[in-house]
């Protein structure tokens, strides 16, 4: 699935910027929480998948990676944008922190 990354500075889709974080911090006066460019690119990816795999059902899987310092309202707008684009199965990528410099505990 497509990977959306969120840091305190930028939102990316597969490593390419789709929105500066400052846009997500603004209050939506229209009530629409959708991040337009992210939404549009995700819809395009979904439609391309359906064209290339007509006999398969679209699984709607998306991955969200977020820095732990990202505000919840930013994350909420990303989650909304991903869901509205048709990705209902959202997974969060988590990088475990190693203790004492060793490998993470199982």
N, C-alpha and C. Protein backbone atom coordinates (compact mmCIF):
# COMPACT_ATOMS: atom_id res chain seq x y z
N UNK A 1 0.81 -1.19 0.00
CA UNK A 1 0.00 0.00 0.00
C UNK A 1 0.85 1.25 0.00
N UNK A 2 0.25 2.35 -0.35
CA UNK A 2 0.98 3.62 -0.36
C UNK A 2 1.42 4.01 1.05
N UNK A 3 2.59 4.62 1.14
CA UNK A 3 3.15 5.04 2.43
C UNK A 3 3.08 6.55 2.54
N UNK A 4 2.33 7.03 3.53
CA UNK A 4 2.23 8.46 3.81
C UNK A 4 3.08 8.74 5.04
N UNK A 5 4.02 9.67 4.91
CA UNK A 5 4.88 10.04 6.02
C UNK A 5 4.52 11.41 6.54
N UNK A 6 4.54 11.56 7.86
CA UNK A 6 4.21 12.84 8.48
C UNK A 6 5.34 13.21 9.44
N UNK A 7 5.90 14.39 9.25
CA UNK A 7 6.87 14.92 10.20
C UNK A 7 6.37 16.27 10.66
N UNK A 8 7.11 16.92 11.54
CA UNK A 8 6.66 18.23 12.01
C UNK A 8 6.77 19.29 10.93
N UNK A 9 7.46 18.95 9.80
CA UNK A 9 7.66 19.93 8.73
C UNK A 9 6.91 19.64 7.45
N UNK A 10 6.66 18.37 7.14
CA UNK A 10 6.14 18.03 5.81
C UNK A 10 5.34 16.73 5.83
N UNK A 11 4.44 16.60 4.85
CA UNK A 11 3.70 15.37 4.61
C UNK A 11 4.17 14.83 3.27
N UNK A 12 4.50 13.54 3.24
CA UNK A 12 4.99 12.94 2.00
C UNK A 12 4.15 11.72 1.62
N UNK A 13 4.16 11.41 0.34
CA UNK A 13 3.57 10.18 -0.17
C UNK A 13 4.65 9.51 -0.99
N UNK A 14 5.08 8.34 -0.57
CA UNK A 14 6.20 7.62 -1.20
C UNK A 14 7.44 8.51 -1.30
N UNK A 15 7.68 9.34 -0.29
CA UNK A 15 8.87 10.16 -0.23
C UNK A 15 8.79 11.51 -0.93
N UNK A 16 7.70 11.77 -1.65
CA UNK A 16 7.53 13.05 -2.34
C UNK A 16 6.57 13.95 -1.56
N UNK A 17 6.95 15.21 -1.40
CA UNK A 17 6.14 16.14 -0.61
C UNK A 17 4.76 16.34 -1.25
N UNK A 18 3.72 16.25 -0.41
CA UNK A 18 2.36 16.53 -0.87
C UNK A 18 1.74 17.71 -0.13
N UNK A 19 2.34 18.11 1.00
CA UNK A 19 1.83 19.26 1.74
C UNK A 19 2.84 19.67 2.81
N UNK A 20 3.01 20.99 2.99
CA UNK A 20 3.82 21.42 4.14
C UNK A 20 3.00 21.26 5.41
N UNK A 21 3.65 20.94 6.50
CA UNK A 21 2.96 20.70 7.77
C UNK A 21 2.18 21.94 8.22
N UNK A 22 2.66 23.11 7.89
CA UNK A 22 1.97 24.33 8.31
C UNK A 22 0.55 24.40 7.75
N UNK A 23 0.32 23.79 6.57
CA UNK A 23 -1.03 23.75 6.01
C UNK A 23 -1.96 22.90 6.87
N UNK A 24 -1.43 21.87 7.50
CA UNK A 24 -2.25 21.00 8.33
C UNK A 24 -2.54 21.61 9.68
N UNK A 25 -1.71 22.55 10.11
CA UNK A 25 -1.91 23.21 11.39
C UNK A 25 -2.96 24.31 11.33
N UNK A 26 -3.29 24.75 10.11
CA UNK A 26 -4.30 25.78 9.96
C UNK A 26 -5.67 25.18 10.24
N UNK A 27 -6.53 25.95 10.86
CA UNK A 27 -7.89 25.49 11.08
C UNK A 27 -8.66 25.59 9.77
N UNK A 28 -9.39 24.55 9.45
CA UNK A 28 -10.17 24.54 8.21
C UNK A 28 -11.45 25.35 8.39
N UNK A 29 -11.51 26.49 7.74
CA UNK A 29 -12.69 27.35 7.88
C UNK A 29 -13.89 26.75 7.14
N UNK A 30 -13.62 25.87 6.17
CA UNK A 30 -14.70 25.27 5.40
C UNK A 30 -15.24 24.02 6.08
N UNK A 31 -14.54 23.52 7.09
CA UNK A 31 -14.96 22.29 7.75
C UNK A 31 -14.45 21.05 7.04
N UNK A 32 -13.74 21.23 5.92
CA UNK A 32 -13.18 20.10 5.18
C UNK A 32 -11.77 19.84 5.67
N UNK A 33 -11.54 18.66 6.22
CA UNK A 33 -10.23 18.32 6.76
C UNK A 33 -9.34 17.64 5.74
N UNK A 34 -9.82 17.50 4.51
CA UNK A 34 -9.09 16.77 3.49
C UNK A 34 -7.85 17.53 3.04
N UNK A 35 -6.72 16.82 2.94
CA UNK A 35 -5.49 17.36 2.37
C UNK A 35 -5.58 17.06 0.89
N UNK A 36 -5.88 18.09 0.09
CA UNK A 36 -6.26 17.91 -1.32
C UNK A 36 -5.24 17.13 -2.15
N UNK A 37 -3.98 17.53 -2.12
CA UNK A 37 -3.00 16.87 -2.98
C UNK A 37 -2.79 15.41 -2.58
N UNK A 38 -2.73 15.15 -1.29
CA UNK A 38 -2.60 13.77 -0.81
C UNK A 38 -3.80 12.94 -1.26
N UNK A 39 -4.99 13.45 -1.05
CA UNK A 39 -6.21 12.76 -1.46
C UNK A 39 -6.20 12.45 -2.95
N UNK A 40 -5.89 13.45 -3.77
CA UNK A 40 -5.93 13.27 -5.22
C UNK A 40 -4.92 12.22 -5.69
N UNK A 41 -3.72 12.24 -5.11
CA UNK A 41 -2.70 11.26 -5.51
C UNK A 41 -3.09 9.85 -5.07
N UNK A 42 -3.68 9.72 -3.89
CA UNK A 42 -4.13 8.41 -3.43
C UNK A 42 -5.25 7.86 -4.31
N UNK A 43 -6.17 8.72 -4.73
CA UNK A 43 -7.25 8.29 -5.62
C UNK A 43 -6.66 7.83 -6.95
N UNK A 44 -5.67 8.56 -7.46
CA UNK A 44 -5.02 8.16 -8.72
C UNK A 44 -4.35 6.80 -8.57
N UNK A 45 -3.64 6.58 -7.46
CA UNK A 45 -3.01 5.28 -7.22
C UNK A 45 -4.05 4.16 -7.15
N UNK A 46 -5.18 4.42 -6.49
CA UNK A 46 -6.24 3.43 -6.39
C UNK A 46 -6.82 3.11 -7.77
N UNK A 47 -7.08 4.13 -8.56
CA UNK A 47 -7.64 3.92 -9.89
C UNK A 47 -6.66 3.19 -10.80
N UNK A 48 -5.37 3.52 -10.69
CA UNK A 48 -4.36 2.82 -11.49
C UNK A 48 -4.30 1.35 -11.11
N UNK A 49 -4.40 1.05 -9.82
CA UNK A 49 -4.39 -0.34 -9.37
C UNK A 49 -5.57 -1.09 -9.97
N UNK A 50 -6.74 -0.47 -9.94
CA UNK A 50 -7.93 -1.13 -10.48
C UNK A 50 -7.81 -1.37 -11.98
N UNK A 51 -7.17 -0.44 -12.70
CA UNK A 51 -6.98 -0.62 -14.14
C UNK A 51 -5.98 -1.74 -14.44
N UNK A 52 -4.92 -1.80 -13.64
CA UNK A 52 -3.87 -2.79 -13.87
C UNK A 52 -4.24 -4.18 -13.35
N UNK A 53 -5.17 -4.26 -12.42
CA UNK A 53 -5.57 -5.53 -11.82
C UNK A 53 -7.09 -5.65 -11.83
N UNK A 54 -7.70 -5.73 -13.03
CA UNK A 54 -9.17 -5.71 -13.09
C UNK A 54 -9.85 -6.92 -12.43
N UNK A 55 -9.14 -8.03 -12.32
CA UNK A 55 -9.76 -9.22 -11.74
C UNK A 55 -9.58 -9.31 -10.23
N UNK A 56 -8.80 -8.39 -9.65
CA UNK A 56 -8.55 -8.41 -8.22
C UNK A 56 -9.36 -7.34 -7.51
N UNK A 57 -9.75 -7.64 -6.29
CA UNK A 57 -10.47 -6.65 -5.48
C UNK A 57 -9.45 -5.70 -4.84
N UNK A 58 -9.73 -4.42 -4.85
CA UNK A 58 -8.86 -3.43 -4.23
C UNK A 58 -8.90 -3.62 -2.72
N UNK A 59 -7.72 -3.80 -2.09
CA UNK A 59 -7.69 -4.11 -0.66
C UNK A 59 -7.74 -2.88 0.25
N UNK A 60 -7.52 -1.70 -0.28
CA UNK A 60 -7.65 -0.47 0.51
C UNK A 60 -6.63 -0.32 1.62
N UNK A 61 -5.45 -0.93 1.46
CA UNK A 61 -4.42 -0.84 2.49
C UNK A 61 -3.55 0.40 2.26
N UNK A 62 -3.34 1.15 3.31
CA UNK A 62 -2.43 2.30 3.30
C UNK A 62 -1.60 2.26 4.57
N UNK A 63 -0.40 2.80 4.49
CA UNK A 63 0.50 2.82 5.64
C UNK A 63 0.78 4.27 6.00
N UNK A 64 0.68 4.58 7.28
CA UNK A 64 0.97 5.93 7.77
C UNK A 64 2.16 5.84 8.73
N UNK A 65 3.19 6.63 8.43
CA UNK A 65 4.35 6.75 9.31
C UNK A 65 4.33 8.16 9.88
N UNK A 66 4.40 8.27 11.17
CA UNK A 66 4.35 9.59 11.79
C UNK A 66 5.42 9.74 12.85
N UNK A 67 6.03 10.91 12.86
CA UNK A 67 6.96 11.26 13.92
C UNK A 67 6.16 11.39 15.21
N UNK A 68 6.74 10.98 16.33
CA UNK A 68 5.98 11.03 17.58
C UNK A 68 5.69 12.46 18.04
N UNK A 69 6.35 13.45 17.46
CA UNK A 69 6.13 14.84 17.85
C UNK A 69 5.04 15.53 17.02
N UNK A 70 4.41 14.81 16.12
CA UNK A 70 3.36 15.38 15.28
C UNK A 70 2.09 15.55 16.11
N UNK A 71 1.47 16.71 15.97
CA UNK A 71 0.23 16.98 16.71
C UNK A 71 -0.91 16.11 16.19
N UNK A 72 -1.82 15.75 17.09
CA UNK A 72 -2.92 14.87 16.72
C UNK A 72 -3.79 15.47 15.63
N UNK A 73 -4.00 16.79 15.63
CA UNK A 73 -4.88 17.37 14.61
C UNK A 73 -4.29 17.19 13.21
N UNK A 74 -2.95 17.16 13.10
CA UNK A 74 -2.32 16.89 11.81
C UNK A 74 -2.59 15.44 11.40
N UNK A 75 -2.40 14.52 12.33
CA UNK A 75 -2.61 13.10 12.07
C UNK A 75 -4.07 12.84 11.69
N UNK A 76 -4.98 13.53 12.36
CA UNK A 76 -6.41 13.37 12.10
C UNK A 76 -6.74 13.77 10.65
N UNK A 77 -6.15 14.85 10.17
CA UNK A 77 -6.41 15.29 8.79
C UNK A 77 -5.85 14.29 7.78
N UNK A 78 -4.70 13.71 8.09
CA UNK A 78 -4.12 12.71 7.20
C UNK A 78 -5.00 11.47 7.16
N UNK A 79 -5.41 10.99 8.33
CA UNK A 79 -6.27 9.81 8.41
C UNK A 79 -7.59 10.04 7.65
N UNK A 80 -8.15 11.22 7.79
CA UNK A 80 -9.39 11.55 7.08
C UNK A 80 -9.15 11.53 5.57
N UNK A 81 -8.07 12.14 5.12
CA UNK A 81 -7.76 12.21 3.69
C UNK A 81 -7.57 10.82 3.10
N UNK A 82 -6.86 9.96 3.83
CA UNK A 82 -6.61 8.59 3.38
C UNK A 82 -7.93 7.82 3.28
N UNK A 83 -8.79 7.95 4.29
CA UNK A 83 -10.07 7.24 4.29
C UNK A 83 -10.99 7.71 3.17
N UNK A 84 -11.07 9.02 2.97
CA UNK A 84 -11.95 9.56 1.93
C UNK A 84 -11.47 9.15 0.53
N UNK A 85 -10.17 8.91 0.39
CA UNK A 85 -9.62 8.47 -0.90
C UNK A 85 -9.91 7.00 -1.18
N UNK A 86 -10.48 6.28 -0.20
CA UNK A 86 -10.87 4.90 -0.43
C UNK A 86 -9.99 3.86 0.24
N UNK A 87 -9.10 4.30 1.11
CA UNK A 87 -8.22 3.38 1.82
C UNK A 87 -8.77 3.20 3.23
N UNK A 88 -9.51 2.12 3.42
CA UNK A 88 -10.18 1.88 4.71
C UNK A 88 -9.36 1.01 5.65
N UNK A 89 -8.27 0.44 5.16
CA UNK A 89 -7.44 -0.44 5.97
C UNK A 89 -6.09 0.25 6.20
N UNK A 90 -6.02 1.08 7.23
CA UNK A 90 -4.83 1.89 7.49
C UNK A 90 -3.97 1.24 8.56
N UNK A 91 -2.69 1.09 8.25
CA UNK A 91 -1.73 0.53 9.19
C UNK A 91 -0.74 1.62 9.59
N UNK A 92 -0.31 1.57 10.83
CA UNK A 92 0.69 2.51 11.30
C UNK A 92 2.03 1.81 11.34
N UNK A 93 3.05 2.45 10.79
CA UNK A 93 4.40 1.91 10.84
C UNK A 93 5.07 2.45 12.10
N UNK A 94 5.59 1.54 12.91
CA UNK A 94 6.23 1.92 14.16
C UNK A 94 7.65 1.37 14.17
N UNK A 95 8.59 2.20 14.52
CA UNK A 95 9.97 1.77 14.64
C UNK A 95 10.26 1.64 16.13
N UNK A 96 10.46 0.40 16.60
CA UNK A 96 10.72 0.23 18.04
C UNK A 96 12.07 0.81 18.43
N UNK A 97 12.11 1.35 19.61
CA UNK A 97 13.34 1.93 20.13
C UNK A 97 14.14 0.83 20.82
N UNK A 98 15.39 0.65 20.41
CA UNK A 98 16.25 -0.37 21.01
C UNK A 98 16.69 0.09 22.41
N UNK A 99 16.67 -0.83 23.36
CA UNK A 99 17.10 -0.51 24.73
C UNK A 99 18.54 -0.93 24.91
N UNK A 100 19.34 -0.06 25.43
CA UNK A 100 20.73 -0.39 25.72
C UNK A 100 21.57 -0.69 24.50
N UNK A 101 21.14 -0.24 23.33
CA UNK A 101 21.93 -0.43 22.13
C UNK A 101 21.79 -1.81 21.51
N UNK A 102 21.01 -2.69 22.12
CA UNK A 102 20.86 -4.04 21.59
C UNK A 102 19.65 -4.13 20.68
N UNK A 103 19.37 -5.31 20.22
CA UNK A 103 18.20 -5.53 19.38
C UNK A 103 16.94 -5.41 20.21
N UNK A 104 15.82 -4.99 19.58
CA UNK A 104 14.57 -4.88 20.33
C UNK A 104 14.13 -6.25 20.85
N UNK A 105 13.52 -6.23 22.00
CA UNK A 105 13.02 -7.47 22.61
C UNK A 105 11.86 -8.01 21.80
N UNK A 106 11.74 -9.32 21.69
CA UNK A 106 10.64 -9.91 20.89
C UNK A 106 9.29 -9.72 21.54
